[in-house]
Amino acid sequence: MSEDIPTSGKLRIAWRLILLIAALFVCVPLYYLAAPFAHHNPVPRLFLSWALRAVGGELRVEGSLASRRAFLIANHVSWIDILALSAATGTAFVAHAGLAQSAPLRWLCRLNRTVFVARHERGAVSEQVDSVRAAIDDADEGGVASSACA
């Protein structure tokens, strides 16, 4: 498969990975430095904005943003959509609990206040609803978005 990618494409991929890693190395210390002083830490939004640019995304917002206590449901096409939504609005996410299986991904998601829900755990529905409600109450200007893959 890597033979199908031209050298210029491989260089572009390498450059974008370097940019993503650099953004991570800059933003993680900034996150922990800002954490004691900011109720809504601005660093995850900054990181996600930089990550969006690093992968070649360009953000353009049209219309007005939803109110502070909004719950948005978005059927996204790729993980780049998540970068754009969060970079534009500062929203937290409700995500499938399967994402929490990867420790590094779970850690990054939690930095942005992601709430994980397990649809198969019927007995935990009320606790999960309470977690989502708490995230909405605690959300900054972006509210909370439920993200579902098509």
Protein backbone atom coordinates (compact mmCIF):
# COMPACT_ATOMS: atom_id res chain seq x y z
CA MET A 1 0.00 0.00 0.00
CA SER A 2 2.78 2.48 0.82
CA GLU A 3 4.07 1.94 -2.74
CA ASP A 4 0.84 3.57 -3.99
CA ILE A 5 1.63 6.83 -2.19
CA PRO A 6 3.99 9.12 -4.09
CA THR A 7 7.01 10.56 -2.31
CA SER A 8 5.39 14.00 -2.13
CA GLY A 9 2.39 12.42 -0.37
CA LYS A 10 4.62 10.61 2.11
CA LEU A 11 6.42 13.88 2.87
CA ARG A 12 3.08 15.67 3.38
CA ILE A 13 1.91 12.93 5.77
CA ALA A 14 5.20 13.10 7.70
CA TRP A 15 5.00 16.90 7.93
CA ARG A 16 1.40 16.78 9.19
CA LEU A 17 2.32 14.17 11.82
CA ILE A 18 5.21 16.38 12.96
CA LEU A 19 2.83 19.34 13.26
CA LEU A 20 0.32 17.25 15.26
CA ILE A 21 3.01 16.00 17.62
CA ALA A 22 4.42 19.53 18.02
CA ALA A 23 0.95 20.86 18.85
CA LEU A 24 0.57 18.11 21.43
CA PHE A 25 3.95 18.86 23.02
CA VAL A 26 3.13 22.57 23.22
CA CYS A 27 -0.47 22.25 24.38
CA VAL A 28 -0.24 19.53 27.03
CA PRO A 29 2.06 21.56 29.33
CA LEU A 30 -0.02 24.68 28.62
CA TYR A 31 -3.17 22.75 29.58
CA TYR A 32 -1.77 21.76 32.97
CA LEU A 33 -0.38 25.27 33.56
CA ALA A 34 -3.78 26.84 32.82
CA ALA A 35 -5.86 24.21 34.65
CA PRO A 36 -5.66 25.73 38.15
CA PHE A 37 -6.61 29.19 36.85
CA ALA A 38 -9.33 28.52 34.28
CA HIS A 39 -12.72 26.93 34.92
CA HIS A 40 -12.99 26.27 31.16
CA ASN A 41 -9.48 25.57 30.01
CA PRO A 42 -8.95 27.20 26.58
CA VAL A 43 -6.04 24.94 25.61
CA PRO A 44 -8.05 21.96 24.23
CA ARG A 45 -9.80 24.32 21.82
CA LEU A 46 -6.42 25.77 20.81
CA PHE A 47 -4.97 22.28 20.29
CA LEU A 48 -7.94 21.12 18.24
CA SER A 49 -7.72 24.26 16.12
CA TRP A 50 -4.02 23.66 15.47
CA ALA A 51 -4.69 19.97 14.79
CA LEU A 52 -7.35 20.92 12.25
CA ARG A 53 -4.86 23.16 10.44
CA ALA A 54 -2.15 20.49 10.65
CA VAL A 55 -4.31 17.95 8.84
CA GLY A 56 -5.16 20.46 6.13
CA GLY A 57 -8.54 21.60 7.40
CA GLU A 58 -9.73 25.15 7.07
CA LEU A 59 -12.41 26.48 9.35
CA ARG A 60 -15.21 28.72 8.14
CA VAL A 61 -18.15 29.43 10.42
CA GLU A 62 -21.45 30.48 8.90
CA GLY A 63 -24.49 31.53 10.88
CA SER A 64 -24.70 32.03 14.60
CA LEU A 65 -23.47 29.71 17.31
CA ALA A 66 -25.91 27.77 19.45
CA SER A 67 -26.64 28.96 22.97
CA ARG A 68 -24.45 28.00 25.89
CA ARG A 69 -26.73 25.19 27.05
CA ALA A 70 -27.14 23.46 23.70
CA PHE A 71 -27.04 19.78 22.86
CA LEU A 72 -26.06 19.26 19.22
CA ILE A 73 -26.30 15.96 17.40
CA ALA A 74 -23.83 15.63 14.55
CA ASN A 75 -23.45 12.71 12.20
CA HIS A 76 -19.83 13.20 11.22
CA VAL A 77 -18.04 11.89 8.18
CA SER A 78 -14.57 11.68 9.71
CA TRP A 79 -12.63 12.57 12.84
CA ILE A 80 -11.65 15.84 11.13
CA ASP A 81 -15.25 17.01 11.61
CA ILE A 82 -14.75 16.65 15.36
CA LEU A 83 -11.68 18.89 15.18
CA ALA A 84 -13.69 21.51 13.28
CA LEU A 85 -16.71 21.41 15.61
CA SER A 86 -14.59 21.75 18.71
CA ALA A 87 -12.24 24.36 17.25
CA ALA A 88 -15.20 26.50 16.18
CA THR A 89 -17.32 26.19 19.30
CA GLY A 90 -15.28 24.87 22.22
CA THR A 91 -17.85 22.12 22.62
CA ALA A 92 -17.43 19.00 24.68
CA PHE A 93 -18.50 15.67 23.17
CA VAL A 94 -20.56 12.64 24.02
CA ALA A 95 -18.75 9.66 22.54
CA HIS A 96 -19.16 5.91 22.37
CA ALA A 97 -17.47 4.17 25.29
CA GLY A 98 -15.42 2.09 22.85
CA LEU A 99 -13.17 5.11 22.31
CA ALA A 100 -12.21 4.95 25.97
CA GLN A 101 -10.56 1.56 25.41
CA SER A 102 -7.40 3.26 24.15
CA ALA A 103 -5.70 4.91 27.12
CA PRO A 104 -3.99 7.72 25.15
CA LEU A 105 -7.20 8.53 23.24
CA ARG A 106 -9.27 8.40 26.46
CA TRP A 107 -6.79 10.78 28.13
CA LEU A 108 -6.93 13.27 25.21
CA CYS A 109 -10.74 13.09 25.05
CA ARG A 110 -11.07 13.73 28.77
CA LEU A 111 -8.91 16.86 28.47
CA ASN A 112 -11.72 18.23 26.31
CA ARG A 113 -14.40 17.07 28.81
CA THR A 114 -15.69 14.19 26.62
CA VAL A 115 -18.43 12.12 28.25
CA PHE A 116 -18.31 8.44 27.30
CA VAL A 117 -21.55 6.47 27.07
CA ALA A 118 -22.08 2.75 26.64
CA ARG A 119 -25.30 2.05 24.77
CA HIS A 120 -25.13 -1.62 25.71
CA GLU A 121 -25.15 -0.91 29.47
CA ARG A 122 -28.88 -0.41 29.96
CA GLY A 123 -28.57 -0.36 33.75
CA ALA A 124 -26.24 2.64 33.64
CA VAL A 125 -28.50 4.86 31.52
CA SER A 126 -29.52 7.18 34.37
CA GLU A 127 -25.87 7.69 35.39
CA GLN A 128 -24.94 8.38 31.77
CA VAL A 129 -27.80 10.87 31.38
CA ASP A 130 -26.61 12.59 34.56
CA SER A 131 -23.07 12.79 33.13
CA VAL A 132 -24.36 14.37 29.93
CA ARG A 133 -26.56 16.79 31.90
CA ALA A 134 -23.57 17.78 34.05
CA ALA A 135 -21.49 18.35 30.90
CA ILE A 136 -24.20 20.61 29.48
CA ASP A 137 -24.42 22.55 32.75
CA ASP A 138 -20.63 22.92 32.81
CA ALA A 139 -20.16 23.66 29.10
CA ASP A 140 -18.60 26.86 27.90
CA GLU A 141 -20.02 28.72 24.90
CA GLY A 142 -20.10 25.65 22.68
CA GLY A 143 -22.38 23.37 24.65
CA VAL A 144 -22.16 19.60 24.17
CA ALA A 145 -22.23 17.67 20.92
CA SER A 146 -23.21 14.07 20.49
CA SER A 147 -21.11 12.63 17.74
CA ALA A 148 -22.25 9.62 15.74
CA CYS A 149 -20.54 7.93 12.82
CA ALA A 150 -22.59 7.10 9.74
